[in-house]
Amino acid sequence: MKASTFADLSLLFVALIWGATFVLVQNAISFLEPLSFNAVRFTAAAILLGFWLVVFEREQLKKLDKKLMLSGMMLGFFLFIGYAFQTLGLLYTTSSKAGFITGLSVVLVPLLLIAVLKQRPGINSIAGVAAATAGLYLLTMSDVSSLNIGDGFVLICAAGFALHILFTGKFSSSYPTLFLTTVQIATVAFLSAISAVFFEDWSKAFNPEIIFSGKVITALLITSVLATALAFFIQTNFQKHTTATRVALIFAMEPVFAAITAFFWAGERLTYSALMGCGLIFAGMIFAELPPQRFESLLRKIYPKKEADFEA
């Protein structure tokens, strides 16, 4: 199996983890406020990664330098922006609109590639982005009310996630994976804790009756180990073998997995538009996997009269 194919499958597994744990997190933050939840979640993950680093991968500590620390802190800052502004936006907008706008990171990644790294995505990636965006709209937009300040906050969240994907691709091949992952997760934990002190009732994070309640402790254990420590380690390790645009498209499958999980675990019903949305997101991911030459050949078969358009 090619390294790029294995990387894409690994990242799809990450999207599956995030989608499958969405219901758990949603239940937990009804007891423990979101920033406090993330502070505990990312702190536990950082401790786990740090323990593994010191005990089993001590050689990586020799690579400690200013550039590695700054790179990890930058990734952690962008990741924190994504989580924090999504939480802030949900105070003013609906979860469906927030889901769609967050998913717009799939559009922002190729735009940022052009603006920041001066890289132009291929025609297959552009088609995949268009299909996935349409799919996200059908899957998440149950209401089309006018935009408000919450939508603006969630757009900042989407930009944060997009920048995290972009710079993970840039830094992941330059530094030891476990060390870089540990620094960024610790950064999110620190920033989440500081924000919780200022904006939430952070004392709930030290209340045993809340922390050790069934729904909260289950969500914390699963998200800390699987959806944080393991998921971001996989992303940092394998993104070097694929492109940022393909990563964004693969992560667009997260709401698909969340919808499927909600259907089986929470009894939520999928509408026809949601099913069409899932299909379009999946198609977008497939488009991105096709080599540009094969994708152009497919387009010629569909639109034979437009052949000259693809020769330019």
C-alpha atoms as a PDB file:
ATOM      1  CA  MET A   1       0.000   0.000   0.000  1.00  0.00           C
ATOM      2  CA  LYS A   2       1.330   3.443  -0.940  1.00  0.00           C
ATOM      3  CA  ALA A   3       2.300   5.772   1.904  1.00  0.00           C
ATOM      4  CA  SER A   4      -0.207   8.399   0.721  1.00  0.00           C
ATOM      5  CA  THR A   5      -3.071   5.870   0.649  1.00  0.00           C
ATOM      6  CA  PHE A   6      -2.237   4.572   4.128  1.00  0.00           C
ATOM      7  CA  ALA A   7      -2.004   8.174   5.365  1.00  0.00           C
ATOM      8  CA  ASP A   8      -5.448   9.006   3.954  1.00  0.00           C
ATOM      9  CA  LEU A   9      -6.979   5.900   5.540  1.00  0.00           C
ATOM     10  CA  SER A  10      -5.378   6.778   8.884  1.00  0.00           C
ATOM     11  CA  LEU A  11      -6.769  10.323   8.706  1.00  0.00           C
ATOM     12  CA  LEU A  12     -10.189   8.921   7.784  1.00  0.00           C
ATOM     13  CA  PHE A  13      -9.969   6.871  10.980  1.00  0.00           C
ATOM     14  CA  VAL A  14      -9.342  10.145  12.870  1.00  0.00           C
ATOM     15  CA  ALA A  15     -12.481  11.669  11.317  1.00  0.00           C
ATOM     16  CA  LEU A  16     -14.379   8.536  12.392  1.00  0.00           C
ATOM     17  CA  ILE A  17     -13.159   8.944  15.985  1.00  0.00           C
ATOM     18  CA  TRP A  18     -14.146  12.623  16.087  1.00  0.00           C
ATOM     19  CA  GLY A  19     -17.540  11.961  14.542  1.00  0.00           C
ATOM     20  CA  ALA A  20     -18.262   9.003  16.803  1.00  0.00           C
ATOM     21  CA  THR A  21     -17.381  10.944  19.972  1.00  0.00           C
ATOM     22  CA  PHE A  22     -19.511  13.996  19.103  1.00  0.00           C
ATOM     23  CA  VAL A  23     -22.553  12.671  20.988  1.00  0.00           C
ATOM     24  CA  LEU A  24     -20.389  11.885  24.042  1.00  0.00           C
ATOM     25  CA  VAL A  25     -18.973  15.414  24.135  1.00  0.00           C
ATOM     26  CA  GLN A  26     -22.403  16.960  23.584  1.00  0.00           C
ATOM     27  CA  ASN A  27     -23.739  15.083  26.604  1.00  0.00           C
ATOM     28  CA  ALA A  28     -20.727  15.900  28.782  1.00  0.00           C
ATOM     29  CA  ILE A  29     -20.750  19.672  28.217  1.00  0.00           C
ATOM     30  CA  SER A  30     -24.286  19.857  29.567  1.00  0.00           C
ATOM     31  CA  PHE A  31     -22.638  19.160  32.966  1.00  0.00           C
ATOM     32  CA  LEU A  32     -19.172  20.698  32.527  1.00  0.00           C
ATOM     33  CA  GLU A  33     -18.773  23.893  30.498  1.00  0.00           C
ATOM     34  CA  PRO A  34     -16.930  23.550  27.144  1.00  0.00           C
ATOM     35  CA  LEU A  35     -13.688  25.421  27.868  1.00  0.00           C
ATOM     36  CA  SER A  36     -13.337  23.646  31.201  1.00  0.00           C
ATOM     37  CA  PHE A  37     -14.054  20.325  29.502  1.00  0.00           C
ATOM     38  CA  ASN A  38     -11.372  21.024  26.887  1.00  0.00           C
ATOM     39  CA  ALA A  39      -8.904  22.107  29.580  1.00  0.00           C
ATOM     40  CA  VAL A  40      -9.298  18.769  31.383  1.00  0.00           C
ATOM     41  CA  ARG A  41      -9.432  16.779  28.134  1.00  0.00           C
ATOM     42  CA  PHE A  42      -6.284  18.306  26.620  1.00  0.00           C
ATOM     43  CA  THR A  43      -4.397  18.302  29.943  1.00  0.00           C
ATOM     44  CA  ALA A  44      -5.021  14.568  30.349  1.00  0.00           C
ATOM     45  CA  ALA A  45      -3.940  13.975  26.738  1.00  0.00           C
ATOM     46  CA  ALA A  46      -0.792  16.089  27.208  1.00  0.00           C
ATOM     47  CA  ILE A  47       0.146  14.133  30.341  1.00  0.00           C
ATOM     48  CA  LEU A  48      -0.377  10.844  28.490  1.00  0.00           C
ATOM     49  CA  LEU A  49       1.714  11.969  25.509  1.00  0.00           C
ATOM     50  CA  GLY A  50       4.385  13.478  27.766  1.00  0.00           C
ATOM     51  CA  PHE A  51       4.664  10.226  29.747  1.00  0.00           C
ATOM     52  CA  TRP A  52       5.052   8.222  26.527  1.00  0.00           C
ATOM     53  CA  LEU A  53       7.648  10.708  25.267  1.00  0.00           C
ATOM     54  CA  VAL A  54       9.790  10.622  28.417  1.00  0.00           C
ATOM     55  CA  VAL A  55       9.578   6.866  29.023  1.00  0.00           C
ATOM     56  CA  PHE A  56       9.616   5.356  25.530  1.00  0.00           C
ATOM     57  CA  GLU A  57      10.794   8.048  23.089  1.00  0.00           C
ATOM     58  CA  ARG A  58      13.385   9.892  25.156  1.00  0.00           C
ATOM     59  CA  GLU A  59      15.652  10.247  22.109  1.00  0.00           C
ATOM     60  CA  GLN A  60      13.216  12.808  20.712  1.00  0.00           C
ATOM     61  CA  LEU A  61      13.961  15.096  23.650  1.00  0.00           C
ATOM     62  CA  LYS A  62      17.427  15.659  22.173  1.00  0.00           C
ATOM     63  CA  LYS A  63      15.724  17.478  19.283  1.00  0.00           C
ATOM     64  CA  LEU A  64      14.385  20.143  21.648  1.00  0.00           C
ATOM     65  CA  ASP A  65      15.029  23.619  20.281  1.00  0.00           C
ATOM     66  CA  LYS A  66      13.340  26.980  19.956  1.00  0.00           C
ATOM     67  CA  LYS A  67      11.939  26.289  16.472  1.00  0.00           C
ATOM     68  CA  LEU A  68      10.253  23.038  17.535  1.00  0.00           C
ATOM     69  CA  MET A  69       8.659  24.699  20.555  1.00  0.00           C
ATOM     70  CA  LEU A  70       7.423  27.694  18.551  1.00  0.00           C
ATOM     71  CA  SER A  71       6.061  25.426  15.801  1.00  0.00           C
ATOM     72  CA  GLY A  72       4.193  23.264  18.313  1.00  0.00           C
ATOM     73  CA  MET A  73       2.845  26.325  20.122  1.00  0.00           C
ATOM     74  CA  MET A  74       1.656  27.818  16.815  1.00  0.00           C
ATOM     75  CA  LEU A  75      -0.207  24.607  15.964  1.00  0.00           C
ATOM     76  CA  GLY A  76      -1.686  24.556  19.461  1.00  0.00           C
ATOM     77  CA  PHE A  77      -2.777  28.194  19.162  1.00  0.00           C
ATOM     78  CA  PHE A  78      -4.623  27.572  15.873  1.00  0.00           C
ATOM     79  CA  LEU A  79      -6.237  24.451  17.336  1.00  0.00           C
ATOM     80  CA  PHE A  80      -7.339  26.392  20.417  1.00  0.00           C
ATOM     81  CA  ILE A  81      -8.808  29.160  18.220  1.00  0.00           C
ATOM     82  CA  GLY A  82     -10.866  26.503  16.438  1.00  0.00           C
ATOM     83  CA  TYR A  83     -12.289  24.989  19.616  1.00  0.00           C
ATOM     84  CA  ALA A  84     -12.728  28.268  21.528  1.00  0.00           C
ATOM     85  CA  PHE A  85     -14.509  30.260  18.825  1.00  0.00           C
ATOM     86  CA  GLN A  86     -16.735  27.328  17.952  1.00  0.00           C
ATOM     87  CA  THR A  87     -17.850  27.285  21.592  1.00  0.00           C
ATOM     88  CA  LEU A  88     -18.325  31.067  21.639  1.00  0.00           C
ATOM     89  CA  GLY A  89     -20.277  30.998  18.375  1.00  0.00           C
ATOM     90  CA  LEU A  90     -22.680  28.353  19.678  1.00  0.00           C
ATOM     91  CA  LEU A  91     -23.858  30.836  22.294  1.00  0.00           C
ATOM     92  CA  TYR A  92     -25.380  32.974  19.511  1.00  0.00           C
ATOM     93  CA  THR A  93     -26.124  30.662  16.575  1.00  0.00           C
ATOM     94  CA  THR A  94     -27.634  27.244  15.944  1.00  0.00           C
ATOM     95  CA  SER A  95     -25.674  23.994  16.001  1.00  0.00           C
ATOM     96  CA  SER A  96     -26.659  23.275  12.390  1.00  0.00           C
ATOM     97  CA  LYS A  97     -25.285  26.580  11.121  1.00  0.00           C
ATOM     98  CA  ALA A  98     -22.181  26.160  13.281  1.00  0.00           C
ATOM     99  CA  GLY A  99     -21.638  22.695  11.805  1.00  0.00           C
ATOM    100  CA  PHE A 100     -21.826  24.032   8.258  1.00  0.00           C
ATOM    101  CA  ILE A 101     -19.597  27.056   8.869  1.00  0.00           C
ATOM    102  CA  THR A 102     -17.021  24.944  10.729  1.00  0.00           C
ATOM    103  CA  GLY A 103     -16.995  22.616   7.742  1.00  0.00           C
ATOM    104  CA  LEU A 104     -16.075  25.554   5.515  1.00  0.00           C
ATOM    105  CA  SER A 105     -12.482  24.909   6.580  1.00  0.00           C
ATOM    106  CA  VAL A 106     -12.570  22.518   3.609  1.00  0.00           C
ATOM    107  CA  VAL A 107     -12.867  25.609   1.394  1.00  0.00           C
ATOM    108  CA  LEU A 108     -10.451  27.759   3.372  1.00  0.00           C
ATOM    109  CA  VAL A 109      -7.569  25.264   3.200  1.00  0.00           C
ATOM    110  CA  PRO A 110      -7.019  25.463  -0.596  1.00  0.00           C
ATOM    111  CA  LEU A 111      -7.523  29.249  -0.480  1.00  0.00           C
ATOM    112  CA  LEU A 112      -4.903  29.547   2.269  1.00  0.00           C
ATOM    113  CA  LEU A 113      -2.598  27.219   0.329  1.00  0.00           C
ATOM    114  CA  ILE A 114      -2.656  29.723  -2.506  1.00  0.00           C
ATOM    115  CA  ALA A 115      -2.395  32.819  -0.292  1.00  0.00           C
ATOM    116  CA  VAL A 116       0.141  31.596   2.293  1.00  0.00           C
ATOM    117  CA  LEU A 117       2.194  28.799   0.707  1.00  0.00           C
ATOM    118  CA  LYS A 118       1.717  29.819  -2.955  1.00  0.00           C
ATOM    119  CA  GLN A 119       0.553  26.288  -3.853  1.00  0.00           C
ATOM    120  CA  ARG A 120      -2.270  25.729  -6.331  1.00  0.00           C
ATOM    121  CA  PRO A 121      -4.554  22.703  -5.802  1.00  0.00           C
ATOM    122  CA  GLY A 122      -5.371  20.454  -8.771  1.00  0.00           C
ATOM    123  CA  ILE A 123      -8.693  20.391 -10.611  1.00  0.00           C
ATOM    124  CA  ASN A 124      -9.678  17.160  -8.826  1.00  0.00           C
ATOM    125  CA  SER A 125      -9.146  18.799  -5.433  1.00  0.00           C
ATOM    126  CA  ILE A 126     -11.198  21.836  -6.478  1.00  0.00           C
ATOM    127  CA  ALA A 127     -14.043  19.572  -7.620  1.00  0.00           C
ATOM    128  CA  GLY A 128     -13.808  17.631  -4.372  1.00  0.00           C
ATOM    129  CA  VAL A 129     -14.013  20.827  -2.318  1.00  0.00           C
ATOM    130  CA  ALA A 130     -17.077  21.987  -4.268  1.00  0.00           C
ATOM    131  CA  ALA A 131     -18.861  18.653  -3.804  1.00  0.00           C
ATOM    132  CA  ALA A 132     -18.003  18.457  -0.098  1.00  0.00           C
ATOM    133  CA  THR A 133     -19.176  22.024   0.528  1.00  0.00           C
ATOM    134  CA  ALA A 134     -22.525  21.302  -1.119  1.00  0.00           C
ATOM    135  CA  GLY A 135     -22.756  18.104   0.922  1.00  0.00           C
ATOM    136  CA  LEU A 136     -22.014  19.942   4.168  1.00  0.00           C
ATOM    137  CA  TYR A 137     -24.813  22.384   3.389  1.00  0.00           C
ATOM    138  CA  LEU A 138     -27.338  19.601   2.786  1.00  0.00           C
ATOM    139  CA  LEU A 139     -26.205  17.662   5.859  1.00  0.00           C
ATOM    140  CA  THR A 140     -26.089  20.462   8.413  1.00  0.00           C
ATOM    141  CA  MET A 141     -28.238  23.419   7.347  1.00  0.00           C
ATOM    142  CA  SER A 142     -31.626  22.643   8.823  1.00  0.00           C
ATOM    143  CA  ASP A 143     -32.318  26.369   9.140  1.00  0.00           C
ATOM    144  CA  VAL A 144     -31.396  29.264   6.875  1.00  0.00           C
ATOM    145  CA  SER A 145     -31.981  32.194   9.192  1.00  0.00           C
ATOM    146  CA  SER A 146     -30.004  35.374   8.685  1.00  0.00           C
ATOM    147  CA  LEU A 147     -26.363  35.575   9.720  1.00  0.00           C
ATOM    148  CA  ASN A 148     -25.460  36.882  13.182  1.00  0.00           C
ATOM    149  CA  ILE A 149     -22.377  37.532  15.298  1.00  0.00           C
ATOM    150  CA  GLY A 150     -22.221  33.865  16.314  1.00  0.00           C
ATOM    151  CA  ASP A 151     -21.764  32.865  12.691  1.00  0.00           C
ATOM    152  CA  GLY A 152     -18.801  35.257  12.505  1.00  0.00           C
ATOM    153  CA  PHE A 153     -17.233  33.623  15.555  1.00  0.00           C
ATOM    154  CA  VAL A 154     -17.671  30.162  14.010  1.00  0.00           C
ATOM    155  CA  LEU A 155     -16.075  31.406  10.781  1.00  0.00           C
ATOM    156  CA  ILE A 156     -13.007  32.367  12.841  1.00  0.00           C
ATOM    157  CA  CYS A 157     -13.152  28.814  14.236  1.00  0.00           C
ATOM    158  CA  ALA A 158     -13.117  27.418  10.684  1.00  0.00           C
ATOM    159  CA  ALA A 159     -10.104  29.583   9.859  1.00  0.00           C
ATOM    160  CA  GLY A 160      -8.338  28.279  12.970  1.00  0.00           C
ATOM    161  CA  PHE A 161      -8.905  24.645  11.984  1.00  0.00           C
ATOM    162  CA  ALA A 162      -7.867  25.389   8.388  1.00  0.00           C
ATOM    163  CA  LEU A 163      -4.618  27.044   9.518  1.00  0.00           C
ATOM    164  CA  HIS A 164      -3.954  24.103  11.843  1.00  0.00           C
ATOM    165  CA  ILE A 165      -4.264  21.671   8.921  1.00  0.00           C
ATOM    166  CA  LEU A 166      -2.124  23.902   6.694  1.00  0.00           C
ATOM    167  CA  PHE A 167       0.766  24.316   9.136  1.00  0.00           C
ATOM    168  CA  THR A 168       0.635  20.717  10.375  1.00  0.00           C
ATOM    169  CA  GLY A 169       1.502  19.766   6.813  1.00  0.00           C
ATOM    170  CA  LYS A 170       4.337  22.308   6.842  1.00  0.00           C
ATOM    171  CA  PHE A 171       5.871  21.340  10.203  1.00  0.00           C
ATOM    172  CA  SER A 172       5.144  17.594  10.452  1.00  0.00           C
ATOM    173  CA  SER A 173       8.060  16.558   8.234  1.00  0.00           C
ATOM    174  CA  SER A 174      10.563  18.772  10.062  1.00  0.00           C
ATOM    175  CA  TYR A 175      10.179  17.691  13.700  1.00  0.00           C
ATOM    176  CA  PRO A 176       9.713  14.468  15.741  1.00  0.00           C
ATOM    177  CA  THR A 177       6.021  13.560  15.655  1.00  0.00           C
ATOM    178  CA  LEU A 178       5.430  12.716  19.321  1.00  0.00           C
ATOM    179  CA  PHE A 179       7.324  15.749  20.626  1.00  0.00           C
ATOM    180  CA  LEU A 180       5.534  18.143  18.246  1.00  0.00           C
ATOM    181  CA  THR A 181       2.151  16.640  19.128  1.00  0.00           C
ATOM    182  CA  THR A 182       2.828  16.903  22.867  1.00  0.00           C
ATOM    183  CA  VAL A 183       3.756  20.597  22.620  1.00  0.00           C
ATOM    184  CA  GLN A 184       0.652  21.527  20.627  1.00  0.00           C
ATOM    185  CA  ILE A 185      -1.724  19.572  22.884  1.00  0.00           C
ATOM    186  CA  ALA A 186      -0.149  21.106  26.005  1.00  0.00           C
ATOM    187  CA  THR A 187      -0.592  24.555  24.434  1.00  0.00           C
ATOM    188  CA  VAL A 188      -4.326  23.945  23.878  1.00  0.00           C
ATOM    189  CA  ALA A 189      -4.655  22.700  27.468  1.00  0.00           C
ATOM    190  CA  PHE A 190      -2.965  25.834  28.851  1.00  0.00           C
ATOM    191  CA  LEU A 191      -4.966  28.293  26.727  1.00  0.00           C
ATOM    192  CA  SER A 192      -8.242  26.459  27.478  1.00  0.00           C
ATOM    193  CA  ALA A 193      -7.542  26.551  31.221  1.00  0.00           C
ATOM    194  CA  ILE A 194      -6.732  30.277  31.162  1.00  0.00           C
ATOM    195  CA  SER A 195      -9.893  31.002  29.125  1.00  0.00           C
ATOM    196  CA  ALA A 196     -12.041  28.886  31.443  1.00  0.00           C
ATOM    197  CA  VAL A 197     -10.849  30.918  34.449  1.00  0.00           C
ATOM    198  CA  PHE A 198     -11.955  34.165  32.784  1.00  0.00           C
ATOM    199  CA  PHE A 199     -15.137  33.082  30.997  1.00  0.00           C
ATOM    200  CA  GLU A 200     -16.622  30.092  32.856  1.00  0.00           C
ATOM    201  CA  ASP A 201     -17.298  28.698  36.285  1.00  0.00           C
ATOM    202  CA  TRP A 202     -13.987  26.828  36.269  1.00  0.00           C
ATOM    203  CA  SER A 203     -14.537  25.462  39.784  1.00  0.00           C
ATOM    204  CA  LYS A 204     -16.823  22.795  38.297  1.00  0.00           C
ATOM    205  CA  ALA A 205     -13.708  21.147  36.852  1.00  0.00           C
ATOM    206  CA  PHE A 206     -12.630  20.373  40.443  1.00  0.00           C
ATOM    207  CA  ASN A 207     -16.019  19.141  41.596  1.00  0.00           C
ATOM    208  CA  PRO A 208     -15.778  15.320  41.993  1.00  0.00           C
ATOM    209  CA  GLU A 209     -19.553  14.922  41.622  1.00  0.00           C
ATOM    210  CA  ILE A 210     -19.351  16.476  38.145  1.00  0.00           C
ATOM    211  CA  ILE A 211     -15.978  15.145  36.938  1.00  0.00           C
ATOM    212  CA  PHE A 212     -16.677  11.573  38.051  1.00  0.00           C
ATOM    213  CA  SER A 213     -20.297  11.469  36.906  1.00  0.00           C
ATOM    214  CA  GLY A 214     -20.875   8.728  34.348  1.00  0.00           C
ATOM    215  CA  LYS A 215     -21.327  10.830  31.203  1.00  0.00           C
ATOM    216  CA  VAL A 216     -18.496  13.275  31.962  1.00  0.00           C
ATOM    217  CA  ILE A 217     -15.810  10.764  32.999  1.00  0.00           C
ATOM    218  CA  THR A 218     -16.674   8.488  30.044  1.00  0.00           C
ATOM    219  CA  ALA A 219     -16.432  11.383  27.599  1.00  0.00           C
ATOM    220  CA  LEU A 220     -13.183  12.628  29.164  1.00  0.00           C
ATOM    221  CA  LEU A 221     -11.496   9.214  29.075  1.00  0.00           C
ATOM    222  CA  ILE A 222     -12.490   8.447  25.491  1.00  0.00           C
ATOM    223  CA  THR A 223     -11.810  11.916  24.083  1.00  0.00           C
ATOM    224  CA  SER A 224      -8.518  12.348  25.958  1.00  0.00           C
ATOM    225  CA  VAL A 225      -7.060   9.057  24.766  1.00  0.00           C
ATOM    226  CA  LEU A 226      -8.691   8.462  21.374  1.00  0.00           C
ATOM    227  CA  ALA A 227     -10.000  11.806  20.093  1.00  0.00           C
ATOM    228  CA  THR A 228      -7.050  13.907  21.311  1.00  0.00           C
ATOM    229  CA  ALA A 229      -3.796  12.057  22.094  1.00  0.00           C
ATOM    230  CA  LEU A 230      -4.165   9.348  19.439  1.00  0.00           C
ATOM    231  CA  ALA A 231      -6.031  11.441  16.839  1.00  0.00           C
ATOM    232  CA  PHE A 232      -3.613  14.375  16.769  1.00  0.00           C
ATOM    233  CA  PHE A 233      -0.604  12.054  16.896  1.00  0.00           C
ATOM    234  CA  ILE A 234      -1.957  10.302  13.786  1.00  0.00           C
ATOM    235  CA  GLN A 235      -2.606  13.615  12.024  1.00  0.00           C
ATOM    236  CA  THR A 236       0.861  14.977  12.821  1.00  0.00           C
ATOM    237  CA  ASN A 237       2.536  11.709  11.825  1.00  0.00           C
ATOM    238  CA  PHE A 238       0.718  11.006   8.562  1.00  0.00           C
ATOM    239  CA  GLN A 239      -0.132  14.404   7.115  1.00  0.00           C
ATOM    240  CA  LYS A 240       3.409  14.658   5.736  1.00  0.00           C
ATOM    241  CA  HIS A 241       2.444  11.929   3.233  1.00  0.00           C
ATOM    242  CA  THR A 242      -0.594  13.702   1.760  1.00  0.00           C
ATOM    243  CA  THR A 243      -1.802  17.210   0.893  1.00  0.00           C
ATOM    244  CA  ALA A 244      -3.535  19.754   3.106  1.00  0.00           C
ATOM    245  CA  THR A 245      -6.550  19.935   0.753  1.00  0.00           C
ATOM    246  CA  ARG A 246      -7.043  16.158   0.890  1.00  0.00           C
ATOM    247  CA  VAL A 247      -6.792  16.261   4.691  1.00  0.00           C
ATOM    248  CA  ALA A 248      -9.512  18.935   4.822  1.00  0.00           C
ATOM    249  CA  LEU A 249     -11.743  16.827   2.567  1.00  0.00           C
ATOM    250  CA  ILE A 250     -11.164  13.712   4.664  1.00  0.00           C
ATOM    251  CA  PHE A 251     -11.986  15.638   7.857  1.00  0.00           C
ATOM    252  CA  ALA A 252     -15.194  16.840   6.185  1.00  0.00           C
ATOM    253  CA  MET A 253     -16.364  13.259   6.784  1.00  0.00           C
ATOM    254  CA  GLU A 254     -16.544  14.001  10.527  1.00  0.00           C
ATOM    255  CA  PRO A 255     -20.164  15.296  10.426  1.00  0.00           C
ATOM    256  CA  VAL A 256     -21.067  12.270   8.281  1.00  0.00           C
ATOM    257  CA  PHE A 257     -19.750   9.913  10.951  1.00  0.00           C
ATOM    258  CA  ALA A 258     -21.417  12.074  13.629  1.00  0.00           C
ATOM    259  CA  ALA A 259     -24.777  11.782  11.833  1.00  0.00           C
ATOM    260  CA  ILE A 260     -24.396   8.009  11.462  1.00  0.00           C
ATOM    261  CA  THR A 261     -23.435   7.669  15.138  1.00  0.00           C
ATOM    262  CA  ALA A 262     -26.397   9.818  16.224  1.00  0.00           C
ATOM    263  CA  PHE A 263     -28.678   7.612  14.116  1.00  0.00           C
ATOM    264  CA  PHE A 264     -27.540   4.403  15.849  1.00  0.00           C
ATOM    265  CA  TRP A 265     -26.835   5.682  19.374  1.00  0.00           C
ATOM    266  CA  ALA A 266     -29.254   8.541  19.875  1.00  0.00           C
ATOM    267  CA  GLY A 267     -32.068   7.481  17.551  1.00  0.00           C
ATOM    268  CA  GLU A 268     -31.847  10.637  15.431  1.00  0.00           C
ATOM    269  CA  ARG A 269     -33.412  10.302  11.966  1.00  0.00           C
ATOM    270  CA  LEU A 270     -31.538  11.200   8.788  1.00  0.00           C
ATOM    271  CA  THR A 271     -33.502  13.233   6.236  1.00  0.00           C
ATOM    272  CA  TYR A 272     -33.171  12.688   2.494  1.00  0.00           C
ATOM    273  CA  SER A 273     -31.189  15.921   2.179  1.00  0.00           C
ATOM    274  CA  ALA A 274     -28.823  14.735   4.927  1.00  0.00           C
ATOM    275  CA  LEU A 275     -28.292  11.433   3.099  1.00  0.00           C
ATOM    276  CA  MET A 276     -27.592  13.325  -0.131  1.00  0.00           C
ATOM    277  CA  GLY A 277     -25.168  15.530   1.799  1.00  0.00           C
ATOM    278  CA  CYS A 278     -23.318  12.485   3.113  1.00  0.00           C
ATOM    279  CA  GLY A 279     -23.061  11.140  -0.408  1.00  0.00           C
ATOM    280  CA  LEU A 280     -21.679  14.423  -1.792  1.00  0.00           C
ATOM    281  CA  ILE A 281     -19.066  14.689   0.957  1.00  0.00           C
ATOM    282  CA  PHE A 282     -17.968  11.126   0.253  1.00  0.00           C
ATOM    283  CA  ALA A 283     -17.859  11.896  -3.493  1.00  0.00           C
ATOM    284  CA  GLY A 284     -15.736  14.962  -2.787  1.00  0.00           C
ATOM    285  CA  MET A 285     -13.232  12.827  -0.908  1.00  0.00           C
ATOM    286  CA  ILE A 286     -13.121  10.340  -3.804  1.00  0.00           C
ATOM    287  CA  PHE A 287     -12.578  13.146  -6.335  1.00  0.00           C
ATOM    288  CA  ALA A 288      -9.551  14.321  -4.367  1.00  0.00           C
ATOM    289  CA  GLU A 289      -8.109  10.801  -4.403  1.00  0.00           C
ATOM    290  CA  LEU A 290      -8.252  10.543  -8.202  1.00  0.00           C
ATOM    291  CA  PRO A 291      -5.056  11.508 -10.069  1.00  0.00           C
ATOM    292  CA  PRO A 292      -5.632  14.807 -11.942  1.00  0.00           C
ATOM    293  CA  GLN A 293      -5.148  13.101 -15.332  1.00  0.00           C
ATOM    294  CA  ARG A 294      -7.757  10.444 -14.564  1.00  0.00           C
ATOM    295  CA  PHE A 295     -10.180  13.065 -13.266  1.00  0.00           C
ATOM    296  CA  GLU A 296      -9.813  15.136 -16.448  1.00  0.00           C
ATOM    297  CA  SER A 297     -10.351  11.969 -18.514  1.00  0.00           C
ATOM    298  CA  LEU A 298     -13.555  11.310 -16.545  1.00  0.00           C
ATOM    299  CA  LEU A 299     -14.756  14.848 -17.246  1.00  0.00           C
ATOM    300  CA  ARG A 300     -14.107  14.390 -20.980  1.00  0.00           C
ATOM    301  CA  LYS A 301     -16.320  11.302 -20.961  1.00  0.00           C
ATOM    302  CA  ILE A 302     -19.104  13.187 -19.184  1.00  0.00           C
ATOM    303  CA  TYR A 303     -18.766  16.341 -21.304  1.00  0.00           C
ATOM    304  CA  PRO A 304     -17.270  15.236 -24.654  1.00  0.00           C
ATOM    305  CA  LYS A 305     -18.259  18.500 -26.359  1.00  0.00           C
ATOM    306  CA  LYS A 306     -16.216  20.447 -23.835  1.00  0.00           C
ATOM    307  CA  GLU A 307     -12.951  18.621 -24.511  1.00  0.00           C
ATOM    308  CA  ALA A 308     -11.191  21.752 -25.652  1.00  0.00           C
ATOM    309  CA  ASP A 309     -11.830  23.297 -22.271  1.00  0.00           C
ATOM    310  CA  PHE A 310      -9.528  20.755 -20.578  1.00  0.00           C
ATOM    311  CA  GLU A 311      -6.677  21.184 -23.044  1.00  0.00           C
ATOM    312  CA  ALA A 312      -6.064  24.793 -22.084  1.00  0.00           C
END
